Structure formats: C-alpha cells, structure tokens
C-alpha cells in the first residue's frame, strides 16, 4: 500500500481522528474504518485500539502521540 505525504493526505483523509496524525506530521493511509501508518506486521509494528467514547479520545491520545 503506497503512503502519501501529509499534505496529500490532508485532502483525502477521513475527517475526525485523522487530525491527530496530521498534527504530528505522521503519514498514513485511510482504509475505512482504519487510519494506517507504517507496516501492518513486523518487529517494530504496533496497533492501538481505543474503545472509548469520542469525548474522551483527546485526553487519551494526546499523551501517546506526545511521547
């Protein structure tokens, strides 16, 4: 899967949670319902699945992205 630059993704990315990746300058692809950055498998891959209401998302994701 080919990844586009952050600027290219700004016009085609899913609204909502993608803004968090854009703010960090993280490149990603949008495969509904997922935002994917990097490889899906391998020793340095990881997946975050957050099962929280959208109103709590900001307080959980910012500390992760800021680290």
C-alpha atoms as a PDB file:
ATOM      1  CA  UNK A   1       0.000   0.000   0.000  1.00  0.00           C
ATOM      2  CA  UNK A   2       1.517   3.298  -1.019  1.00  0.00           C
ATOM      3  CA  UNK A   3       1.570   6.092   1.515  1.00  0.00           C
ATOM      4  CA  UNK A   4       1.093   9.693   0.525  1.00  0.00           C
ATOM      5  CA  UNK A   5       2.716  12.680   2.126  1.00  0.00           C
ATOM      6  CA  UNK A   6       0.980  14.525   4.935  1.00  0.00           C
ATOM      7  CA  UNK A   7      -0.037  17.309   2.522  1.00  0.00           C
ATOM      8  CA  UNK A   8      -1.596  14.842   0.084  1.00  0.00           C
ATOM      9  CA  UNK A   9      -3.480  13.125   2.898  1.00  0.00           C
ATOM     10  CA  UNK A  10      -4.917  16.391   4.150  1.00  0.00           C
ATOM     11  CA  UNK A  11      -7.287  16.427   1.193  1.00  0.00           C
ATOM     12  CA  UNK A  12      -8.344  12.758   1.203  1.00  0.00           C
ATOM     13  CA  UNK A  13      -8.051  11.571   4.807  1.00  0.00           C
ATOM     14  CA  UNK A  14     -11.037  10.626   6.880  1.00  0.00           C
ATOM     15  CA  UNK A  15     -12.351  13.503   8.928  1.00  0.00           C
ATOM     16  CA  UNK A  16     -12.201  13.345  12.679  1.00  0.00           C
ATOM     17  CA  UNK A  17      -9.403  11.330  14.241  1.00  0.00           C
ATOM     18  CA  UNK A  18      -7.007  11.836  11.312  1.00  0.00           C
ATOM     19  CA  UNK A  19      -6.374  15.381  12.549  1.00  0.00           C
ATOM     20  CA  UNK A  20      -4.307  13.930  15.386  1.00  0.00           C
ATOM     21  CA  UNK A  21      -1.939  12.234  12.936  1.00  0.00           C
ATOM     22  CA  UNK A  22      -1.785  15.306  10.712  1.00  0.00           C
ATOM     23  CA  UNK A  23      -0.863  17.498  13.687  1.00  0.00           C
ATOM     24  CA  UNK A  24       2.078  15.190  14.443  1.00  0.00           C
ATOM     25  CA  UNK A  25       3.209  15.047  10.809  1.00  0.00           C
ATOM     26  CA  UNK A  26       2.610  11.286  10.693  1.00  0.00           C
ATOM     27  CA  UNK A  27       1.965   9.896   7.217  1.00  0.00           C
ATOM     28  CA  UNK A  28      -0.866   7.413   6.918  1.00  0.00           C
ATOM     29  CA  UNK A  29      -3.354   5.834   4.602  1.00  0.00           C
ATOM     30  CA  UNK A  30      -7.093   5.604   5.103  1.00  0.00           C
ATOM     31  CA  UNK A  31      -8.625   2.166   4.757  1.00  0.00           C
ATOM     32  CA  UNK A  32     -12.090   2.509   6.302  1.00  0.00           C
ATOM     33  CA  UNK A  33     -12.514   2.361   9.177  1.00  0.00           C
ATOM     34  CA  UNK A  34      -8.759   2.411   9.861  1.00  0.00           C
ATOM     35  CA  UNK A  35      -6.030   5.034   9.701  1.00  0.00           C
ATOM     36  CA  UNK A  36      -2.827   3.092   8.964  1.00  0.00           C
ATOM     37  CA  UNK A  37       0.712   4.350   9.408  1.00  0.00           C
ATOM     38  CA  UNK A  38       3.705   2.186   8.552  1.00  0.00           C
ATOM     39  CA  UNK A  39       3.669  -1.573   8.094  1.00  0.00           C
ATOM     40  CA  UNK A  40       0.950  -3.797   9.474  1.00  0.00           C
ATOM     41  CA  UNK A  41       3.394  -6.512  10.527  1.00  0.00           C
ATOM     42  CA  UNK A  42       6.977  -6.746  11.723  1.00  0.00           C
ATOM     43  CA  UNK A  43       9.037  -6.288  14.868  1.00  0.00           C
ATOM     44  CA  UNK A  44       8.503  -2.526  15.052  1.00  0.00           C
ATOM     45  CA  UNK A  45       4.778  -2.532  14.280  1.00  0.00           C
ATOM     46  CA  UNK A  46       2.036  -1.835  16.759  1.00  0.00           C
ATOM     47  CA  UNK A  47      -1.672  -1.251  16.741  1.00  0.00           C
ATOM     48  CA  UNK A  48      -3.691   0.926  19.071  1.00  0.00           C
ATOM     49  CA  UNK A  49      -7.344   0.068  19.509  1.00  0.00           C
ATOM     50  CA  UNK A  50      -9.122   2.532  21.765  1.00  0.00           C
ATOM     51  CA  UNK A  51     -12.565   1.588  22.965  1.00  0.00           C
ATOM     52  CA  UNK A  52     -13.703   4.849  24.477  1.00  0.00           C
ATOM     53  CA  UNK A  53     -16.362   7.381  23.717  1.00  0.00           C
ATOM     54  CA  UNK A  54     -15.256  10.085  21.299  1.00  0.00           C
ATOM     55  CA  UNK A  55     -15.476  12.781  24.003  1.00  0.00           C
ATOM     56  CA  UNK A  56     -12.648  11.012  25.909  1.00  0.00           C
ATOM     57  CA  UNK A  57     -10.442  10.307  22.879  1.00  0.00           C
ATOM     58  CA  UNK A  58      -8.490  13.558  23.043  1.00  0.00           C
ATOM     59  CA  UNK A  59      -7.397  13.065  26.651  1.00  0.00           C
ATOM     60  CA  UNK A  60      -6.151   9.526  25.872  1.00  0.00           C
ATOM     61  CA  UNK A  61      -4.455  10.001  22.503  1.00  0.00           C
ATOM     62  CA  UNK A  62      -2.517  13.220  23.129  1.00  0.00           C
ATOM     63  CA  UNK A  63      -0.217  11.692  25.795  1.00  0.00           C
ATOM     64  CA  UNK A  64       0.502   8.770  23.458  1.00  0.00           C
ATOM     65  CA  UNK A  65       1.328  10.982  20.479  1.00  0.00           C
ATOM     66  CA  UNK A  66       3.323  13.443  22.578  1.00  0.00           C
ATOM     67  CA  UNK A  67       5.669  10.759  23.935  1.00  0.00           C
END
